[in-house]
Amino acid sequence: DQVEAMTMGDRVAVLKDGLLQQVDTPLNLYDRPANLFVASFI
């Protein structure tokens, strides 16, 4: 649940197919997603 992740974590690590996509604070993930997957998921 990405809402749960955004509201609870000091930092959030986003994974897809076993690969780490991005790790950052919730707001940085929201404001500057590193790729299309993070942008669509968060």
PDB file of all heavy atoms in Angstrom:
ATOM      1  N   ASP A   1       0.846  -1.197   0.000  1.00  0.00           N
ATOM      2  CA  ASP A   1       0.000   0.000   0.000  1.00  0.00           C
ATOM      3  C   ASP A   1       0.880   1.244   0.000  1.00  0.00           C
ATOM      4  O   ASP A   1       1.515   1.568   1.001  1.00  0.00           O
ATOM      5  CB  ASP A   1      -0.891  -0.031   1.243  1.00  0.00           C
ATOM      6  CG  ASP A   1      -1.905   1.106   1.274  1.00  0.00           C
ATOM      7  OD1 ASP A   1      -1.649   2.146   0.629  1.00  0.00           O
ATOM      8  OD2 ASP A   1      -2.935   0.967   1.952  1.00  0.00           O
ATOM      9  N   GLN A   2       0.906   1.960  -1.119  1.00  0.00           N
ATOM     10  CA  GLN A   2       1.817   3.103  -1.215  1.00  0.00           C
ATOM     11  C   GLN A   2       1.378   4.263  -0.322  1.00  0.00           C
ATOM     12  O   GLN A   2       2.213   5.050   0.122  1.00  0.00           O
ATOM     13  CB  GLN A   2       1.991   3.551  -2.670  1.00  0.00           C
ATOM     14  CG  GLN A   2       0.715   3.862  -3.421  1.00  0.00           C
ATOM     15  CD  GLN A   2       0.318   5.310  -3.317  1.00  0.00           C
ATOM     16  OE1 GLN A   2       1.143   6.166  -3.019  1.00  0.00           O
ATOM     17  NE2 GLN A   2      -0.935   5.598  -3.565  1.00  0.00           N
ATOM     18  N   VAL A   3       0.094   4.372   0.006  1.00  0.00           N
ATOM     19  CA  VAL A   3      -0.357   5.403   0.948  1.00  0.00           C
ATOM     20  C   VAL A   3       0.213   5.104   2.339  1.00  0.00           C
ATOM     21  O   VAL A   3       0.695   6.003   3.035  1.00  0.00           O
ATOM     22  CB  VAL A   3      -1.903   5.488   0.990  1.00  0.00           C
ATOM     23  CG1 VAL A   3      -2.349   6.461   2.066  1.00  0.00           C
ATOM     24  CG2 VAL A   3      -2.448   5.909  -0.372  1.00  0.00           C
ATOM     25  N   GLU A   4       0.174   3.836   2.721  1.00  0.00           N
ATOM     26  CA  GLU A   4       0.771   3.408   3.986  1.00  0.00           C
ATOM     27  C   GLU A   4       2.265   3.737   4.008  1.00  0.00           C
ATOM     28  O   GLU A   4       2.799   4.238   4.999  1.00  0.00           O
ATOM     29  CB  GLU A   4       0.564   1.895   4.133  1.00  0.00           C
ATOM     30  CG  GLU A   4       0.482   1.396   5.547  1.00  0.00           C
ATOM     31  CD  GLU A   4      -0.018  -0.035   5.593  1.00  0.00           C
ATOM     32  OE1 GLU A   4      -1.250  -0.233   5.564  1.00  0.00           O
ATOM     33  OE2 GLU A   4       0.830  -0.963   5.636  1.00  0.00           O
ATOM     34  N   ALA A   5       2.936   3.460   2.909  1.00  0.00           N
ATOM     35  CA  ALA A   5       4.374   3.729   2.819  1.00  0.00           C
ATOM     36  C   ALA A   5       4.664   5.216   2.957  1.00  0.00           C
ATOM     37  O   ALA A   5       5.578   5.631   3.685  1.00  0.00           O
ATOM     38  CB  ALA A   5       4.915   3.203   1.490  1.00  0.00           C
ATOM     39  N   MET A   6       3.888   6.032   2.272  1.00  0.00           N
ATOM     40  CA  MET A   6       4.124   7.476   2.268  1.00  0.00           C
ATOM     41  C   MET A   6       3.884   8.098   3.631  1.00  0.00           C
ATOM     42  O   MET A   6       4.546   9.066   4.017  1.00  0.00           O
ATOM     43  CB  MET A   6       3.220   8.147   1.235  1.00  0.00           C
ATOM     44  CG  MET A   6       3.534   7.801  -0.213  1.00  0.00           C
ATOM     45  SD  MET A   6       4.973   8.667  -0.842  1.00  0.00           S
ATOM     46  CE  MET A   6       4.324  10.315  -1.047  1.00  0.00           C
ATOM     47  N   THR A   7       2.924   7.564   4.383  1.00  0.00           N
ATOM     48  CA  THR A   7       2.554   8.190   5.651  1.00  0.00           C
ATOM     49  C   THR A   7       3.363   7.675   6.830  1.00  0.00           C
ATOM     50  O   THR A   7       3.379   8.310   7.884  1.00  0.00           O
ATOM     51  CB  THR A   7       1.060   7.964   5.951  1.00  0.00           C
ATOM     52  OG1 THR A   7       0.772   6.560   5.901  1.00  0.00           O
ATOM     53  CG2 THR A   7       0.187   8.682   4.942  1.00  0.00           C
ATOM     54  N   MET A   8       4.056   6.531   6.679  1.00  0.00           N
ATOM     55  CA  MET A   8       4.736   5.933   7.819  1.00  0.00           C
ATOM     56  C   MET A   8       6.254   6.056   7.784  1.00  0.00           C
ATOM     57  O   MET A   8       6.897   6.214   8.815  1.00  0.00           O
ATOM     58  CB  MET A   8       4.362   4.444   7.935  1.00  0.00           C
ATOM     59  CG  MET A   8       2.910   4.191   8.239  1.00  0.00           C
ATOM     60  SD  MET A   8       2.511   2.439   8.425  1.00  0.00           S
ATOM     61  CE  MET A   8       3.254   2.088  10.014  1.00  0.00           C
ATOM     62  N   GLY A   9       6.857   5.944   6.624  1.00  0.00           N
ATOM     63  CA  GLY A   9       8.299   5.790   6.541  1.00  0.00           C
ATOM     64  C   GLY A   9       9.096   7.079   6.667  1.00  0.00           C
ATOM     65  O   GLY A   9       8.680   8.126   6.174  1.00  0.00           O
ATOM     66  N   ASP A  10      10.264   6.981   7.344  1.00  0.00           N
ATOM     67  CA  ASP A  10      11.251   8.065   7.251  1.00  0.00           C
ATOM     68  C   ASP A  10      11.781   8.114   5.825  1.00  0.00           C
ATOM     69  O   ASP A  10      11.960   9.170   5.248  1.00  0.00           O
ATOM     70  CB  ASP A  10      12.411   7.821   8.221  1.00  0.00           C
ATOM     71  CG  ASP A  10      11.952   7.864   9.670  1.00  0.00           C
ATOM     72  OD1 ASP A  10      11.060   8.667   9.988  1.00  0.00           O
ATOM     73  OD2 ASP A  10      12.486   7.092  10.483  1.00  0.00           O
ATOM     74  N   ARG A  11      12.050   6.912   5.291  1.00  0.00           N
ATOM     75  CA  ARG A  11      12.384   6.767   3.877  1.00  0.00           C
ATOM     76  C   ARG A  11      11.627   5.568   3.322  1.00  0.00           C
ATOM     77  O   ARG A  11      11.199   4.683   4.066  1.00  0.00           O
ATOM     78  CB  ARG A  11      13.892   6.569   3.671  1.00  0.00           C
ATOM     79  CG  ARG A  11      14.723   7.814   3.885  1.00  0.00           C
ATOM     80  CD  ARG A  11      16.151   7.617   3.392  1.00  0.00           C
ATOM     81  NE  ARG A  11      16.807   6.525   4.093  1.00  0.00           N
ATOM     82  CZ  ARG A  11      17.829   5.831   3.588  1.00  0.00           C
ATOM     83  NH1 ARG A  11      18.273   6.082   2.360  1.00  0.00           N
ATOM     84  NH2 ARG A  11      18.383   4.858   4.296  1.00  0.00           N
ATOM     85  N   VAL A  12      11.476   5.553   2.008  1.00  0.00           N
ATOM     86  CA  VAL A  12      10.737   4.493   1.332  1.00  0.00           C
ATOM     87  C   VAL A  12      11.601   3.928   0.216  1.00  0.00           C
ATOM     88  O   VAL A  12      12.183   4.684  -0.571  1.00  0.00           O
ATOM     89  CB  VAL A  12       9.405   5.019   0.750  1.00  0.00           C
ATOM     90  CG1 VAL A  12       8.663   3.916   0.003  1.00  0.00           C
ATOM     91  CG2 VAL A  12       8.530   5.605   1.853  1.00  0.00           C
ATOM     92  N   ALA A  13      11.693   2.596   0.152  1.00  0.00           N
ATOM     93  CA  ALA A  13      12.405   1.918  -0.933  1.00  0.00           C
ATOM     94  C   ALA A  13      11.369   1.267  -1.846  1.00  0.00           C
ATOM     95  O   ALA A  13      10.565   0.454  -1.386  1.00  0.00           O
ATOM     96  CB  ALA A  13      13.359   0.876  -0.373  1.00  0.00           C
ATOM     97  N   VAL A  14      11.389   1.635  -3.118  1.00  0.00           N
ATOM     98  CA  VAL A  14      10.432   1.104  -4.091  1.00  0.00           C
ATOM     99  C   VAL A  14      11.102  -0.008  -4.890  1.00  0.00           C
ATOM    100  O   VAL A  14      12.181   0.201  -5.467  1.00  0.00           O
ATOM    101  CB  VAL A  14       9.938   2.211  -5.039  1.00  0.00           C
ATOM    102  CG1 VAL A  14       8.866   1.663  -5.987  1.00  0.00           C
ATOM    103  CG2 VAL A  14       9.383   3.395  -4.259  1.00  0.00           C
ATOM    104  N   LEU A  15      10.475  -1.195  -4.919  1.00  0.00           N
ATOM    105  CA  LEU A  15      11.020  -2.328  -5.653  1.00  0.00           C
ATOM    106  C   LEU A  15      10.088  -2.768  -6.768  1.00  0.00           C
ATOM    107  O   LEU A  15       8.867  -2.602  -6.680  1.00  0.00           O
ATOM    108  CB  LEU A  15      11.273  -3.520  -4.720  1.00  0.00           C
ATOM    109  CG  LEU A  15      12.397  -3.362  -3.699  1.00  0.00           C
ATOM    110  CD1 LEU A  15      11.841  -2.865  -2.370  1.00  0.00           C
ATOM    111  CD2 LEU A  15      13.127  -4.682  -3.487  1.00  0.00           C
ATOM    112  N   LYS A  16      10.691  -3.324  -7.808  1.00  0.00           N
ATOM    113  CA  LYS A  16       9.926  -3.900  -8.921  1.00  0.00           C
ATOM    114  C   LYS A  16      10.738  -5.057  -9.497  1.00  0.00           C
ATOM    115  O   LYS A  16      11.928  -4.889  -9.803  1.00  0.00           O
ATOM    116  CB  LYS A  16       9.669  -2.861 -10.014  1.00  0.00           C
ATOM    117  CG  LYS A  16       8.915  -3.419 -11.222  1.00  0.00           C
ATOM    118  CD  LYS A  16       8.944  -2.458 -12.396  1.00  0.00           C
ATOM    119  CE  LYS A  16       8.235  -3.041 -13.609  1.00  0.00           C
ATOM    120  NZ  LYS A  16       8.465  -2.231 -14.824  1.00  0.00           N
ATOM    121  N   ASP A  17      10.115  -6.210  -9.621  1.00  0.00           N
ATOM    122  CA  ASP A  17      10.776  -7.394 -10.189  1.00  0.00           C
ATOM    123  C   ASP A  17      12.119  -7.687  -9.529  1.00  0.00           C
ATOM    124  O   ASP A  17      13.096  -8.054 -10.194  1.00  0.00           O
ATOM    125  CB  ASP A  17      10.967  -7.215 -11.705  1.00  0.00           C
ATOM    126  CG  ASP A  17       9.652  -7.058 -12.449  1.00  0.00           C
ATOM    127  OD1 ASP A  17       8.634  -7.593 -11.962  1.00  0.00           O
ATOM    128  OD2 ASP A  17       9.640  -6.395 -13.504  1.00  0.00           O
ATOM    129  N   GLY A  18      12.173  -7.505  -8.213  1.00  0.00           N
ATOM    130  CA  GLY A  18      13.378  -7.825  -7.470  1.00  0.00           C
ATOM    131  C   GLY A  18      14.461  -6.766  -7.507  1.00  0.00           C
ATOM    132  O   GLY A  18      15.514  -6.933  -6.897  1.00  0.00           O
ATOM    133  N   LEU A  19      14.221  -5.674  -8.210  1.00  0.00           N
ATOM    134  CA  LEU A  19      15.219  -4.611  -8.360  1.00  0.00           C
ATOM    135  C   LEU A  19      14.788  -3.363  -7.594  1.00  0.00           C
ATOM    136  O   LEU A  19      13.628  -2.950  -7.662  1.00  0.00           O
ATOM    137  CB  LEU A  19      15.415  -4.261  -9.836  1.00  0.00           C
ATOM    138  CG  LEU A  19      16.039  -5.351 -10.716  1.00  0.00           C
ATOM    139  CD1 LEU A  19      15.913  -4.974 -12.191  1.00  0.00           C
ATOM    140  CD2 LEU A  19      17.503  -5.571 -10.344  1.00  0.00           C
ATOM    141  N   LEU A  20      15.736  -2.756  -6.908  1.00  0.00           N
ATOM    142  CA  LEU A  20      15.473  -1.502  -6.202  1.00  0.00           C
ATOM    143  C   LEU A  20      15.390  -0.380  -7.234  1.00  0.00           C
ATOM    144  O   LEU A  20      16.336  -0.135  -7.983  1.00  0.00           O
ATOM    145  CB  LEU A  20      16.601  -1.221  -5.201  1.00  0.00           C
ATOM    146  CG  LEU A  20      16.471   0.063  -4.375  1.00  0.00           C
ATOM    147  CD1 LEU A  20      15.241   0.011  -3.480  1.00  0.00           C
ATOM    148  CD2 LEU A  20      17.734   0.276  -3.529  1.00  0.00           C
ATOM    149  N   GLN A  21      14.247   0.313  -7.269  1.00  0.00           N
ATOM    150  CA  GLN A  21      14.034   1.381  -8.241  1.00  0.00           C
ATOM    151  C   GLN A  21      14.478   2.742  -7.712  1.00  0.00           C
ATOM    152  O   GLN A  21      15.101   3.530  -8.427  1.00  0.00           O
ATOM    153  CB  GLN A  21      12.548   1.452  -8.622  1.00  0.00           C
ATOM    154  CG  GLN A  21      11.989   0.161  -9.173  1.00  0.00           C
ATOM    155  CD  GLN A  21      12.582  -0.207 -10.509  1.00  0.00           C
ATOM    156  OE1 GLN A  21      12.607   0.589 -11.440  1.00  0.00           O
ATOM    157  NE2 GLN A  21      13.097  -1.427 -10.604  1.00  0.00           N
ATOM    158  N   GLN A  22      14.153   3.012  -6.459  1.00  0.00           N
ATOM    159  CA  GLN A  22      14.492   4.312  -5.866  1.00  0.00           C
ATOM    160  C   GLN A  22      14.298   4.222  -4.365  1.00  0.00           C
ATOM    161  O   GLN A  22      13.397   3.529  -3.879  1.00  0.00           O
ATOM    162  CB  GLN A  22      13.609   5.427  -6.436  1.00  0.00           C
ATOM    163  CG  GLN A  22      13.986   6.832  -5.986  1.00  0.00           C
ATOM    164  CD  GLN A  22      13.154   7.920  -6.650  1.00  0.00           C
ATOM    165  OE1 GLN A  22      12.318   7.619  -7.511  1.00  0.00           O
ATOM    166  NE2 GLN A  22      13.362   9.155  -6.275  1.00  0.00           N
ATOM    167  N   VAL A  23      15.147   4.890  -3.614  1.00  0.00           N
ATOM    168  CA  VAL A  23      14.967   4.994  -2.164  1.00  0.00           C
ATOM    169  C   VAL A  23      15.162   6.450  -1.780  1.00  0.00           C
ATOM    170  O   VAL A  23      16.161   7.073  -2.141  1.00  0.00           O
ATOM    171  CB  VAL A  23      15.930   4.060  -1.399  1.00  0.00           C
ATOM    172  CG1 VAL A  23      17.389   4.324  -1.763  1.00  0.00           C
ATOM    173  CG2 VAL A  23      15.727   4.193   0.103  1.00  0.00           C
ATOM    174  N   ASP A  24      14.172   7.011  -1.084  1.00  0.00           N
ATOM    175  CA  ASP A  24      14.217   8.428  -0.730  1.00  0.00           C
ATOM    176  C   ASP A  24      13.127   8.710   0.295  1.00  0.00           C
ATOM    177  O   ASP A  24      12.361   7.814   0.668  1.00  0.00           O
ATOM    178  CB  ASP A  24      14.025   9.298  -1.978  1.00  0.00           C
ATOM    179  CG  ASP A  24      14.814  10.610  -1.903  1.00  0.00           C
ATOM    180  OD1 ASP A  24      14.965  11.136  -0.778  1.00  0.00           O
ATOM    181  OD2 ASP A  24      15.268  11.094  -2.949  1.00  0.00           O
ATOM    182  N   THR A  25      13.059   9.970   0.727  1.00  0.00           N
ATOM    183  CA  THR A  25      11.972  10.361   1.619  1.00  0.00           C
ATOM    184  C   THR A  25      10.658  10.316   0.843  1.00  0.00           C
ATOM    185  O   THR A  25      10.653  10.412  -0.394  1.00  0.00           O
ATOM    186  CB  THR A  25      12.192  11.779   2.157  1.00  0.00           C
ATOM    187  OG1 THR A  25      12.170  12.703   1.050  1.00  0.00           O
ATOM    188  CG2 THR A  25      13.519  11.891   2.892  1.00  0.00           C
ATOM    189  N   PRO A  26       9.521  10.160   1.538  1.00  0.00           N
ATOM    190  CA  PRO A  26       8.237  10.105   0.827  1.00  0.00           C
ATOM    191  C   PRO A  26       8.002  11.301  -0.097  1.00  0.00           C
ATOM    192  O   PRO A  26       7.569  11.126  -1.245  1.00  0.00           O
ATOM    193  CB  PRO A  26       7.214  10.060   1.967  1.00  0.00           C
ATOM    194  CG  PRO A  26       7.933   9.386   3.083  1.00  0.00           C
ATOM    195  CD  PRO A  26       9.348   9.888   2.989  1.00  0.00           C
ATOM    196  N   LEU A  27       8.294  12.511   0.373  1.00  0.00           N
ATOM    197  CA  LEU A  27       8.039  13.685  -0.454  1.00  0.00           C
ATOM    198  C   LEU A  27       8.948  13.737  -1.670  1.00  0.00           C
ATOM    199  O   LEU A  27       8.524  14.150  -2.755  1.00  0.00           O
ATOM    200  CB  LEU A  27       8.188  14.965   0.374  1.00  0.00           C
ATOM    201  CG  LEU A  27       6.987  15.335   1.250  1.00  0.00           C
ATOM    202  CD1 LEU A  27       7.263  16.616   2.024  1.00  0.00           C
ATOM    203  CD2 LEU A  27       5.719  15.489   0.408  1.00  0.00           C
ATOM    204  N   ASN A  28      10.213  13.339  -1.512  1.00  0.00           N
ATOM    205  CA  ASN A  28      11.116  13.335  -2.665  1.00  0.00           C
ATOM    206  C   ASN A  28      10.691  12.305  -3.703  1.00  0.00           C
ATOM    207  O   ASN A  28      10.827  12.535  -4.910  1.00  0.00           O
ATOM    208  CB  ASN A  28      12.556  13.078  -2.224  1.00  0.00           C
ATOM    209  CG  ASN A  28      13.191  14.304  -1.606  1.00  0.00           C
ATOM    210  OD1 ASN A  28      12.695  15.420  -1.761  1.00  0.00           O
ATOM    211  ND2 ASN A  28      14.286  14.107  -0.889  1.00  0.00           N
ATOM    212  N   LEU A  29      10.186  11.153  -3.243  1.00  0.00           N
ATOM    213  CA  LEU A  29       9.663  10.166  -4.183  1.00  0.00           C
ATOM    214  C   LEU A  29       8.486  10.747  -4.970  1.00  0.00           C
ATOM    215  O   LEU A  29       8.351  10.502  -6.171  1.00  0.00           O
ATOM    216  CB  LEU A  29       9.195   8.913  -3.441  1.00  0.00           C
ATOM    217  CG  LEU A  29      10.237   7.924  -2.940  1.00  0.00           C
ATOM    218  CD1 LEU A  29       9.550   6.800  -2.181  1.00  0.00           C
ATOM    219  CD2 LEU A  29      11.059   7.359  -4.073  1.00  0.00           C
ATOM    220  N   TYR A  30       7.651  11.477  -4.271  1.00  0.00           N
ATOM    221  CA  TYR A  30       6.464  12.060  -4.906  1.00  0.00           C
ATOM    222  C   TYR A  30       6.843  13.187  -5.869  1.00  0.00           C
ATOM    223  O   TYR A  30       6.297  13.290  -6.970  1.00  0.00           O
ATOM    224  CB  TYR A  30       5.525  12.588  -3.820  1.00  0.00           C
ATOM    225  CG  TYR A  30       4.159  13.003  -4.312  1.00  0.00           C
ATOM    226  CD1 TYR A  30       3.142  12.067  -4.457  1.00  0.00           C
ATOM    227  CD2 TYR A  30       3.874  14.336  -4.620  1.00  0.00           C
ATOM    228  CE1 TYR A  30       1.878  12.436  -4.900  1.00  0.00           C
ATOM    229  CE2 TYR A  30       2.615  14.715  -5.060  1.00  0.00           C
ATOM    230  CZ  TYR A  30       1.621  13.763  -5.202  1.00  0.00           C
ATOM    231  OH  TYR A  30       0.377  14.149  -5.650  1.00  0.00           O
ATOM    232  N   ASP A  31       7.789  14.028  -5.438  1.00  0.00           N
ATOM    233  CA  ASP A  31       8.138  15.217  -6.222  1.00  0.00           C
ATOM    234  C   ASP A  31       9.129  14.938  -7.343  1.00  0.00           C
ATOM    235  O   ASP A  31       9.116  15.629  -8.364  1.00  0.00           O
ATOM    236  CB  ASP A  31       8.731  16.301  -5.309  1.00  0.00           C
ATOM    237  CG  ASP A  31       7.702  16.881  -4.355  1.00  0.00           C
ATOM    238  OD1 ASP A  31       6.497  16.779  -4.654  1.00  0.00           O
ATOM    239  OD2 ASP A  31       8.106  17.418  -3.306  1.00  0.00           O
ATOM    240  N   ARG A  32      10.019  13.929  -7.165  1.00  0.00           N
ATOM    241  CA  ARG A  32      11.049  13.661  -8.167  1.00  0.00           C
ATOM    242  C   ARG A  32      11.199  12.149  -8.378  1.00  0.00           C
ATOM    243  O   ARG A  32      12.272  11.584  -8.070  1.00  0.00           O
ATOM    244  CB  ARG A  32      12.389  14.281  -7.753  1.00  0.00           C
ATOM    245  CG  ARG A  32      12.359  15.794  -7.609  1.00  0.00           C
ATOM    246  CD  ARG A  32      13.756  16.405  -7.536  1.00  0.00           C
ATOM    247  NE  ARG A  32      14.417  16.431  -8.836  1.00  0.00           N
ATOM    248  CZ  ARG A  32      15.364  15.587  -9.231  1.00  0.00           C
ATOM    249  NH1 ARG A  32      15.775  14.618  -8.438  1.00  0.00           N
ATOM    250  NH2 ARG A  32      15.922  15.685 -10.410  1.00  0.00           N
ATOM    251  N   PRO A  33      10.191  11.485  -8.905  1.00  0.00           N
ATOM    252  CA  PRO A  33      10.324  10.044  -9.172  1.00  0.00           C
ATOM    253  C   PRO A  33      11.444   9.788 -10.178  1.00  0.00           C
ATOM    254  O   PRO A  33      11.585  10.506 -11.167  1.00  0.00           O
ATOM    255  CB  PRO A  33       8.955   9.666  -9.745  1.00  0.00           C
ATOM    256  CG  PRO A  33       8.362  10.948 -10.243  1.00  0.00           C
ATOM    257  CD  PRO A  33       8.886  12.018  -9.349  1.00  0.00           C
ATOM    258  N   ALA A  34      12.236   8.748  -9.916  1.00  0.00           N
ATOM    259  CA  ALA A  34      13.425   8.490 -10.724  1.00  0.00           C
ATOM    260  C   ALA A  34      13.097   7.896 -12.089  1.00  0.00           C
ATOM    261  O   ALA A  34      13.888   8.005 -13.021  1.00  0.00           O
ATOM    262  CB  ALA A  34      14.369   7.550  -9.973  1.00  0.00           C
ATOM    263  N   ASN A  35      11.942   7.240 -12.203  1.00  0.00           N
ATOM    264  CA  ASN A  35      11.581   6.626 -13.479  1.00  0.00           C
ATOM    265  C   ASN A  35      10.067   6.492 -13.592  1.00  0.00           C
ATOM    266  O   ASN A  35       9.322   6.844 -12.678  1.00  0.00           O
ATOM    267  CB  ASN A  35      12.272   5.258 -13.639  1.00  0.00           C
ATOM    268  CG  ASN A  35      11.966   4.315 -12.485  1.00  0.00           C
ATOM    269  OD1 ASN A  35      10.828   4.212 -12.029  1.00  0.00           O
ATOM    270  ND2 ASN A  35      12.990   3.617 -11.999  1.00  0.00           N
ATOM    271  N   LEU A  36       9.636   5.976 -14.732  1.00  0.00           N
ATOM    272  CA  LEU A  36       8.205   5.875 -15.011  1.00  0.00           C
ATOM    273  C   LEU A  36       7.482   4.975 -14.019  1.00  0.00           C
ATOM    274  O   LEU A  36       6.346   5.256 -13.625  1.00  0.00           O
ATOM    275  CB  LEU A  36       7.986   5.328 -16.431  1.00  0.00           C
ATOM    276  CG  LEU A  36       7.946   6.347 -17.557  1.00  0.00           C
ATOM    277  CD1 LEU A  36       7.948   5.642 -18.914  1.00  0.00           C
ATOM    278  CD2 LEU A  36       6.732   7.257 -17.428  1.00  0.00           C
ATOM    279  N   PHE A  37       8.141   3.886 -13.592  1.00  0.00           N
ATOM    280  CA  PHE A  37       7.470   2.984 -12.655  1.00  0.00           C
ATOM    281  C   PHE A  37       7.191   3.678 -11.334  1.00  0.00           C
ATOM    282  O   PHE A  37       6.080   3.603 -10.812  1.00  0.00           O
ATOM    283  CB  PHE A  37       8.310   1.724 -12.414  1.00  0.00           C
ATOM    284  CG  PHE A  37       7.706   0.850 -11.346  1.00  0.00           C
ATOM    285  CD1 PHE A  37       6.601   0.070 -11.634  1.00  0.00           C
ATOM    286  CD2 PHE A  37       8.205   0.846 -10.050  1.00  0.00           C
ATOM    287  CE1 PHE A  37       6.009  -0.719 -10.641  1.00  0.00           C
ATOM    288  CE2 PHE A  37       7.629   0.069  -9.059  1.00  0.00           C
ATOM    289  CZ  PHE A  37       6.523  -0.711  -9.362  1.00  0.00           C
ATOM    290  N   VAL A  38       8.187   4.348 -10.771  1.00  0.00           N
ATOM    291  CA  VAL A  38       7.978   5.040  -9.495  1.00  0.00           C
ATOM    292  C   VAL A  38       6.919   6.123  -9.657  1.00  0.00           C
ATOM    293  O   VAL A  38       6.065   6.314  -8.786  1.00  0.00           O
ATOM    294  CB  VAL A  38       9.301   5.641  -8.984  1.00  0.00           C
ATOM    295  CG1 VAL A  38       9.077   6.411  -7.677  1.00  0.00           C
ATOM    296  CG2 VAL A  38      10.336   4.542  -8.767  1.00  0.00           C
ATOM    297  N   ALA A  39       6.958   6.842 -10.777  1.00  0.00           N
ATOM    298  CA  ALA A  39       5.973   7.893 -11.030  1.00  0.00           C
ATOM    299  C   ALA A  39       4.556   7.345 -11.049  1.00  0.00           C
ATOM    300  O   ALA A  39       3.628   7.953 -10.505  1.00  0.00           O
ATOM    301  CB  ALA A  39       6.280   8.589 -12.359  1.00  0.00           C
ATOM    302  N   SER A  40       4.376   6.179 -11.653  1.00  0.00           N
ATOM    303  CA  SER A  40       3.034   5.595 -11.762  1.00  0.00           C
ATOM    304  C   SER A  40       2.593   4.926 -10.471  1.00  0.00           C
ATOM    305  O   SER A  40       1.399   4.855 -10.184  1.00  0.00           O
ATOM    306  CB  SER A  40       2.996   4.577 -12.903  1.00  0.00           C
ATOM    307  OG  SER A  40       3.861   3.482 -12.638  1.00  0.00           O
ATOM    308  N   PHE A  41       3.557   4.452  -9.662  1.00  0.00           N
ATOM    309  CA  PHE A  41       3.205   3.701  -8.465  1.00  0.00           C
ATOM    310  C   PHE A  41       2.948   4.591  -7.256  1.00  0.00           C
ATOM    311  O   PHE A  41       2.066   4.315  -6.445  1.00  0.00           O
ATOM    312  CB  PHE A  41       4.317   2.693  -8.130  1.00  0.00           C
ATOM    313  CG  PHE A  41       3.932   1.712  -7.068  1.00  0.00           C
ATOM    314  CD1 PHE A  41       3.157   0.605  -7.377  1.00  0.00           C
ATOM    315  CD2 PHE A  41       4.318   1.892  -5.749  1.00  0.00           C
ATOM    316  CE1 PHE A  41       2.781  -0.303  -6.397  1.00  0.00           C
ATOM    317  CE2 PHE A  41       3.951   0.996  -4.766  1.00  0.00           C
ATOM    318  CZ  PHE A  41       3.179  -0.108  -5.093  1.00  0.00           C
ATOM    319  N   ILE A  42       3.725   5.655  -7.121  1.00  0.00           N
ATOM    320  CA  ILE A  42       3.611   6.533  -5.953  1.00  0.00           C
ATOM    321  C   ILE A  42       2.618   7.651  -6.242  1.00  0.00           C
ATOM    322  O   ILE A  42       2.756   8.385  -7.218  1.00  0.00           O
ATOM    323  CB  ILE A  42       4.986   7.140  -5.575  1.00  0.00           C
ATOM    324  CG1 ILE A  42       5.955   6.019  -5.173  1.00  0.00           C
ATOM    325  CG2 ILE A  42       4.832   8.154  -4.460  1.00  0.00           C
ATOM    326  CD1 ILE A  42       5.579   5.258  -3.919  1.00  0.00           C
TER     327      ILE A  42
END
